[in-house]
Amino acid sequence: MTIDPADRKHNVPDRPAANGLRSRPHVMTTRAYLFLVITMAGWGGNAIAGKLAVDHVSPALLTSMRWALAVLILLPFSLRHLRRQWATIRANAAMLLFLGTLGFALFNNFVYVALIHTSAINAAIEQAATPLVIFIASFALFRQRITAGQFFGFLVTVVGVALVASHGDLSRVLGLDVGFGDAMLLLAVLCYGIYTVSLRWKPHLHWLALMTTLAAGGFVGSLPFTVREGLSGTMQLPDLQGWLVVLYATIIPSIVCQVLYIKGNEIIGGNRAGVFFNLVPIFGTFFAVVLLGEDFRMYHLIALALVLGGIAIAERRRSPAVAS
């Protein structure tokens, strides 16, 4: 296994670009922001899809199907890269399986199970803990220091997320009960936080080869849960709505968002990329308003300003292109 040198590649001083263009590090950082915002929008939609999957396709089967279909879609495009880099893939098979299982199989399976048992309030607040898990894991594994700006920005974004989750009444947060669904969400957050930090150990592969192997790892890692679901008699085959959820989960969150998240993480690092995760419940609320007809209230606007402001605070650093 090798440590990704993406941080070193972009760790160059800003300099005036030709023809009045901005320096490349600044452009790369801006691109990372765009990648991460698109990613969080897609994952916000995945939260809605997870709710729509209830009673239409069972959680473990949904997880296995989305990653199996993702592999089938990616394979024709990635086959030549897989052949060319097969030696690297084989040498790093254990790490690829670990990453695929942790970030693709376990995270999604826990979230889909949680959405059957817990409320949207609990789900939004607990998923907002993802950056904190990333900060802690970065320190534990790499002794990565957390800046005051990152920590304060994290707190600001959590307030924004809590405001949305509690429907404008922060006192409701104090009344949360931790049940089975909440435990599943906490496990999901833990898995994705560790996955994000562990991306520093991913092998150097073409992005198509990387996505295909990670998706395959996600499929393999999801199989024990699907088998258990079948043996317990709780498996539910998808109906029409279930198939639509499977297709959305495969194309947008599984392929498009995962690729963009990996690329954004490469450019600005796990700590900084993790702060953007707090946009997921904001986008989820927006999609709920547009697609499900829920009311848009002033606290939604205030919360959006807090989340974006928190990200801006965490991003105020001297070297914007240096990954953390």
Protein backbone atom coordinates (compact mmCIF):
# COMPACT_ATOMS: atom_id res chain seq x y z
CA MET A 1 0.00 0.00 0.00
CA THR A 2 1.20 3.50 -0.75
CA ILE A 3 0.18 6.90 0.55
CA ASP A 4 -1.44 9.09 -2.09
CA PRO A 5 0.94 11.91 -3.08
CA ALA A 6 -1.94 14.13 -4.22
CA ASP A 7 -1.23 16.52 -1.37
CA ARG A 8 2.39 16.93 -2.46
CA LYS A 9 1.38 17.33 -6.10
CA HIS A 10 -0.77 20.36 -5.33
CA ASN A 11 1.47 21.73 -2.58
CA VAL A 12 3.01 24.43 -4.76
CA PRO A 13 3.11 28.19 -4.19
CA ASP A 14 0.55 30.37 -5.89
CA ARG A 15 1.94 32.23 -8.90
CA PRO A 16 0.40 34.42 -11.58
CA ALA A 17 -0.92 32.33 -14.44
CA ALA A 18 -0.44 33.16 -18.09
CA ASN A 19 -2.99 35.29 -19.91
CA GLY A 20 -4.37 36.66 -16.64
CA LEU A 21 -5.76 33.28 -15.54
CA ARG A 22 -5.81 32.35 -11.88
CA SER A 23 -3.09 30.11 -10.51
CA ARG A 24 -3.63 26.38 -10.90
CA PRO A 25 -3.84 25.63 -7.13
CA HIS A 26 -6.73 28.10 -6.79
CA VAL A 27 -8.48 26.58 -9.81
CA MET A 28 -8.03 23.07 -8.41
CA THR A 29 -9.47 24.10 -5.04
CA THR A 30 -12.47 25.74 -6.72
CA ARG A 31 -12.98 22.57 -8.72
CA ALA A 32 -12.88 20.52 -5.51
CA TYR A 33 -15.60 22.73 -4.00
CA LEU A 34 -17.79 22.18 -7.07
CA PHE A 35 -17.21 18.42 -6.95
CA LEU A 36 -18.12 18.27 -3.27
CA VAL A 37 -21.27 20.41 -3.56
CA ILE A 38 -22.55 18.21 -6.44
CA THR A 39 -21.70 15.14 -4.37
CA MET A 40 -23.64 16.33 -1.34
CA ALA A 41 -26.64 17.22 -3.52
CA GLY A 42 -26.66 13.68 -4.90
CA TRP A 43 -26.34 12.19 -1.44
CA GLY A 44 -29.11 14.46 -0.20
CA GLY A 45 -31.26 12.88 -2.88
CA ASN A 46 -30.12 9.47 -1.70
CA ALA A 47 -31.63 10.18 1.71
CA ILE A 48 -34.98 10.80 0.02
CA ALA A 49 -34.51 7.66 -2.06
CA GLY A 50 -33.84 5.69 1.11
CA LYS A 51 -37.15 6.83 2.53
CA LEU A 52 -38.94 5.96 -0.71
CA ALA A 53 -37.38 2.49 -0.61
CA VAL A 54 -39.16 1.55 2.63
CA ASP A 55 -41.71 -1.21 1.91
CA HIS A 56 -40.61 -1.33 -1.75
CA VAL A 57 -37.17 -3.00 -1.53
CA SER A 58 -35.35 -4.30 1.53
CA PRO A 59 -32.20 -2.48 2.73
CA ALA A 60 -29.53 -5.14 2.24
CA LEU A 61 -30.88 -6.15 -1.16
CA LEU A 62 -30.95 -2.50 -2.23
CA THR A 63 -27.32 -2.10 -1.19
CA SER A 64 -26.18 -5.23 -3.04
CA MET A 65 -28.17 -4.40 -6.18
CA ARG A 66 -26.86 -0.84 -6.46
CA TRP A 67 -23.23 -1.93 -6.29
CA ALA A 68 -23.72 -4.92 -8.59
CA LEU A 69 -25.32 -2.66 -11.20
CA ALA A 70 -22.60 -0.06 -10.67
CA VAL A 71 -19.94 -2.66 -11.51
CA LEU A 72 -21.83 -3.72 -14.64
CA ILE A 73 -22.16 -0.11 -15.80
CA LEU A 74 -18.53 0.78 -15.11
CA LEU A 75 -16.94 -2.43 -16.43
CA PRO A 76 -17.13 -1.70 -20.19
CA PHE A 77 -15.42 1.67 -19.65
CA SER A 78 -12.84 0.50 -17.11
CA LEU A 79 -11.87 -2.91 -18.55
CA ARG A 80 -8.72 -1.73 -20.36
CA HIS A 81 -7.56 0.15 -17.26
CA LEU A 82 -8.26 -2.88 -15.07
CA ARG A 83 -6.13 -5.04 -17.37
CA ARG A 84 -3.29 -2.50 -17.50
CA GLN A 85 -3.22 -2.01 -13.72
CA TRP A 86 -4.12 -5.54 -12.67
CA ALA A 87 -0.82 -6.05 -10.81
CA THR A 88 -1.50 -2.97 -8.65
CA ILE A 89 -5.09 -4.06 -8.04
CA ARG A 90 -4.03 -7.55 -7.00
CA ALA A 91 -1.33 -6.19 -4.68
CA ASN A 92 -3.84 -3.86 -3.00
CA ALA A 93 -6.89 -6.15 -3.08
CA ALA A 94 -7.27 -6.21 0.70
CA MET A 95 -7.27 -2.40 0.95
CA LEU A 96 -9.73 -2.05 -1.94
CA LEU A 97 -12.06 -4.59 -0.31
CA PHE A 98 -11.74 -2.76 3.02
CA LEU A 99 -12.57 0.63 1.47
CA GLY A 100 -15.45 -0.75 -0.59
CA THR A 101 -16.93 -2.61 2.36
CA LEU A 102 -16.57 0.29 4.78
CA GLY A 103 -17.63 3.25 2.63
CA PHE A 104 -19.96 1.57 0.15
CA ALA A 105 -21.51 -1.52 1.75
CA LEU A 106 -21.66 -0.87 5.50
CA PHE A 107 -22.46 2.84 5.32
CA ASN A 108 -25.37 2.42 2.90
CA ASN A 109 -26.76 -0.69 4.55
CA PHE A 110 -26.76 0.98 7.99
CA VAL A 111 -28.40 4.14 6.60
CA TYR A 112 -31.16 2.22 4.78
CA VAL A 113 -31.89 0.15 7.89
CA ALA A 114 -31.89 3.28 10.05
CA LEU A 115 -34.42 5.05 7.85
CA ILE A 116 -36.93 2.32 8.67
CA HIS A 117 -36.61 2.84 12.41
CA THR A 118 -35.72 6.47 13.13
CA SER A 119 -36.91 9.97 12.39
CA ALA A 120 -35.53 12.48 9.92
CA ILE A 121 -34.59 14.72 12.88
CA ASN A 122 -32.32 12.07 14.36
CA ALA A 123 -30.89 11.14 10.97
CA ALA A 124 -29.95 14.70 10.04
CA ILE A 125 -28.31 15.51 13.36
CA GLU A 126 -26.36 12.27 13.57
CA GLN A 127 -25.06 12.47 9.99
CA ALA A 128 -23.79 15.95 10.85
CA ALA A 129 -21.27 14.23 13.15
CA THR A 130 -19.35 12.89 10.14
CA PRO A 131 -16.78 15.74 10.04
CA LEU A 132 -16.08 15.24 13.75
CA VAL A 133 -15.37 11.54 13.12
CA ILE A 134 -13.04 12.56 10.27
CA PHE A 135 -11.20 15.04 12.51
CA ILE A 136 -10.76 12.43 15.27
CA ALA A 137 -9.70 9.67 12.85
CA SER A 138 -7.23 12.01 11.12
CA PHE A 139 -5.63 12.81 14.47
CA ALA A 140 -5.61 9.18 15.64
CA LEU A 141 -4.12 7.76 12.44
CA PHE A 142 -1.94 10.58 11.14
CA ARG A 143 -1.66 13.04 14.07
CA GLN A 144 -3.40 15.56 11.79
CA ARG A 145 -4.00 18.72 13.80
CA ILE A 146 -7.39 20.40 13.74
CA THR A 147 -7.25 24.15 13.26
CA ALA A 148 -9.38 26.50 15.31
CA GLY A 149 -11.10 27.62 12.11
CA GLN A 150 -12.01 24.05 11.17
CA PHE A 151 -13.41 23.31 14.64
CA PHE A 152 -15.38 26.55 14.83
CA GLY A 153 -16.66 26.08 11.27
CA PHE A 154 -17.75 22.56 12.21
CA LEU A 155 -19.71 23.89 15.20
CA VAL A 156 -21.42 26.53 13.06
CA THR A 157 -22.49 23.98 10.46
CA VAL A 158 -23.83 21.65 13.17
CA VAL A 159 -26.01 24.48 14.50
CA GLY A 160 -27.37 24.99 10.97
CA VAL A 161 -28.08 21.29 10.52
CA ALA A 162 -29.70 21.06 13.95
CA LEU A 163 -31.90 24.03 13.08
CA VAL A 164 -33.22 22.23 9.99
CA ALA A 165 -33.51 18.91 11.78
CA SER A 166 -35.50 20.40 14.66
CA HIS A 167 -37.78 22.42 12.36
CA GLY A 168 -36.53 25.72 13.78
CA ASP A 169 -36.89 24.72 17.44
CA LEU A 170 -33.46 23.80 18.81
CA SER A 171 -34.99 22.78 22.14
CA ARG A 172 -36.35 19.67 20.40
CA VAL A 173 -32.79 18.38 20.06
CA LEU A 174 -32.68 17.83 23.83
CA GLY A 175 -35.61 15.42 23.58
CA LEU A 176 -34.00 12.95 21.19
CA ASP A 177 -34.17 9.28 22.11
CA VAL A 178 -31.36 6.97 21.00
CA GLY A 179 -32.95 3.82 19.64
CA PHE A 180 -32.00 1.09 17.17
CA GLY A 181 -32.22 3.39 14.15
CA ASP A 182 -30.05 5.99 15.85
CA ALA A 183 -27.43 3.36 16.62
CA MET A 184 -27.41 2.32 12.96
CA LEU A 185 -26.90 5.92 11.87
CA LEU A 186 -24.04 6.37 14.31
CA LEU A 187 -22.41 3.24 12.90
CA ALA A 188 -22.92 4.60 9.38
CA VAL A 189 -21.29 7.91 10.33
CA LEU A 190 -18.37 6.08 11.94
CA CYS A 191 -17.86 3.93 8.83
CA TYR A 192 -17.88 6.85 6.42
CA GLY A 193 -15.62 8.99 8.56
CA ILE A 194 -12.99 6.24 8.72
CA TYR A 195 -13.46 5.54 4.99
CA THR A 196 -12.80 9.19 4.14
CA VAL A 197 -9.56 9.28 6.13
CA SER A 198 -8.48 5.88 4.78
CA LEU A 199 -8.68 7.14 1.20
CA ARG A 200 -5.13 8.38 1.76
CA TRP A 201 -4.07 4.72 1.49
CA LYS A 202 -5.84 3.95 -1.76
CA PRO A 203 -3.58 2.63 -4.55
CA HIS A 204 -2.70 4.78 -7.54
CA LEU A 205 -5.24 3.68 -10.11
CA HIS A 206 -7.06 5.30 -12.99
CA TRP A 207 -10.30 6.66 -11.58
CA LEU A 208 -12.39 4.20 -13.61
CA ALA A 209 -10.35 1.25 -12.35
CA LEU A 210 -10.56 2.60 -8.80
CA MET A 211 -14.32 3.09 -8.91
CA THR A 212 -14.93 -0.34 -10.43
CA THR A 213 -12.80 -2.14 -7.85
CA LEU A 214 -14.32 -0.17 -4.96
CA ALA A 215 -17.83 -0.90 -6.25
CA ALA A 216 -16.90 -4.58 -6.51
CA GLY A 217 -15.63 -4.39 -2.93
CA GLY A 218 -18.91 -2.78 -1.91
CA PHE A 219 -20.87 -5.58 -3.57
CA VAL A 220 -18.79 -8.33 -1.94
CA GLY A 221 -18.98 -6.58 1.43
CA SER A 222 -22.77 -6.30 1.19
CA LEU A 223 -23.38 -9.99 0.46
CA PRO A 224 -23.33 -11.26 4.07
CA PHE A 225 -26.11 -8.81 4.96
CA THR A 226 -28.16 -9.79 1.91
CA VAL A 227 -27.74 -13.50 2.65
CA ARG A 228 -28.79 -12.91 6.24
CA GLU A 229 -31.80 -10.93 5.02
CA GLY A 230 -32.82 -13.82 2.76
CA LEU A 231 -32.36 -16.47 5.44
CA SER A 232 -34.36 -14.44 7.97
CA GLY A 233 -37.30 -14.07 5.57
CA THR A 234 -37.16 -10.26 5.61
CA MET A 235 -35.93 -9.82 2.03
CA GLN A 236 -38.32 -7.83 -0.15
CA LEU A 237 -37.86 -7.91 -3.91
CA PRO A 238 -38.21 -4.51 -5.59
CA ASP A 239 -41.49 -3.43 -7.14
CA LEU A 240 -41.62 -0.60 -9.71
CA GLN A 241 -40.87 2.09 -7.14
CA GLY A 242 -38.16 -0.10 -5.66
CA TRP A 243 -36.49 -0.47 -9.07
CA LEU A 244 -36.57 3.30 -9.60
CA VAL A 245 -34.85 3.76 -6.24
CA VAL A 246 -32.25 1.13 -7.17
CA LEU A 247 -31.51 2.86 -10.50
CA TYR A 248 -31.18 6.28 -8.89
CA ALA A 249 -28.97 4.93 -6.10
CA THR A 250 -26.78 3.19 -8.67
CA ILE A 251 -26.19 6.04 -11.11
CA ILE A 252 -26.09 9.16 -8.94
CA PRO A 253 -24.92 8.34 -5.38
CA SER A 254 -22.99 5.17 -6.29
CA ILE A 255 -21.10 6.29 -9.39
CA VAL A 256 -21.25 10.05 -10.00
CA CYS A 257 -21.06 11.16 -6.36
CA GLN A 258 -18.43 8.65 -5.28
CA VAL A 259 -16.10 9.66 -8.12
CA LEU A 260 -16.51 13.35 -7.37
CA TYR A 261 -16.06 12.80 -3.63
CA ILE A 262 -12.82 10.88 -4.16
CA LYS A 263 -11.50 13.59 -6.50
CA GLY A 264 -12.49 16.40 -4.15
CA ASN A 265 -10.92 14.54 -1.23
CA GLU A 266 -7.69 14.15 -3.22
CA ILE A 267 -7.45 17.89 -3.85
CA ILE A 268 -8.25 19.43 -0.46
CA GLY A 269 -7.95 16.49 1.96
CA GLY A 270 -10.28 14.59 4.26
CA ASN A 271 -10.67 17.18 7.04
CA ARG A 272 -11.72 19.95 4.65
CA ALA A 273 -13.83 17.70 2.41
CA GLY A 274 -15.65 16.32 5.45
CA VAL A 275 -17.07 19.73 6.37
CA PHE A 276 -19.11 19.68 3.15
CA PHE A 277 -20.95 16.61 4.44
CA ASN A 278 -23.17 18.96 6.42
CA LEU A 279 -24.75 20.05 3.13
CA VAL A 280 -26.43 16.63 2.82
CA PRO A 281 -29.36 17.37 5.19
CA ILE A 282 -29.71 20.84 3.67
CA PHE A 283 -30.09 19.39 0.18
CA GLY A 284 -32.27 16.64 1.59
CA THR A 285 -34.61 19.26 3.02
CA PHE A 286 -34.66 21.15 -0.27
CA PHE A 287 -35.55 18.02 -2.23
CA ALA A 288 -38.23 17.16 0.31
CA VAL A 289 -39.78 20.59 -0.28
CA VAL A 290 -39.60 20.34 -4.08
CA LEU A 291 -40.44 16.65 -4.53
CA LEU A 292 -42.65 15.95 -1.53
CA GLY A 293 -44.34 19.34 -1.20
CA GLU A 294 -43.15 20.16 2.32
CA ASP A 295 -43.21 23.80 3.44
CA PHE A 296 -40.07 25.94 3.10
CA ARG A 297 -39.71 28.15 6.17
CA MET A 298 -37.41 30.95 7.26
CA TYR A 299 -35.34 28.61 9.47
CA HIS A 300 -34.40 26.65 6.34
CA LEU A 301 -32.87 29.80 4.87
CA ILE A 302 -31.10 30.65 8.14
CA ALA A 303 -29.76 27.10 8.44
CA LEU A 304 -28.46 27.16 4.87
CA ALA A 305 -26.59 30.39 5.64
CA LEU A 306 -25.09 28.82 8.78
CA VAL A 307 -23.94 25.68 6.97
CA LEU A 308 -22.37 27.60 4.09
CA GLY A 309 -20.86 30.06 6.57
CA GLY A 310 -19.37 27.23 8.59
CA ILE A 311 -17.76 25.77 5.48
CA ALA A 312 -16.36 29.21 4.58
CA ILE A 313 -14.89 29.62 8.10
CA ALA A 314 -13.27 26.18 7.97
CA GLU A 315 -11.82 26.98 4.54
CA ARG A 316 -10.11 30.26 5.50
CA ARG A 317 -6.53 29.02 5.29
CA ARG A 318 -3.29 30.42 3.92
CA SER A 319 -2.63 27.60 1.44
CA PRO A 320 -5.95 26.65 -0.13
CA ALA A 321 -4.44 23.99 -2.37
CA VAL A 322 -2.66 22.09 0.38
CA ALA A 323 -4.64 19.02 1.34
CA SER A 324 -5.00 18.35 4.99
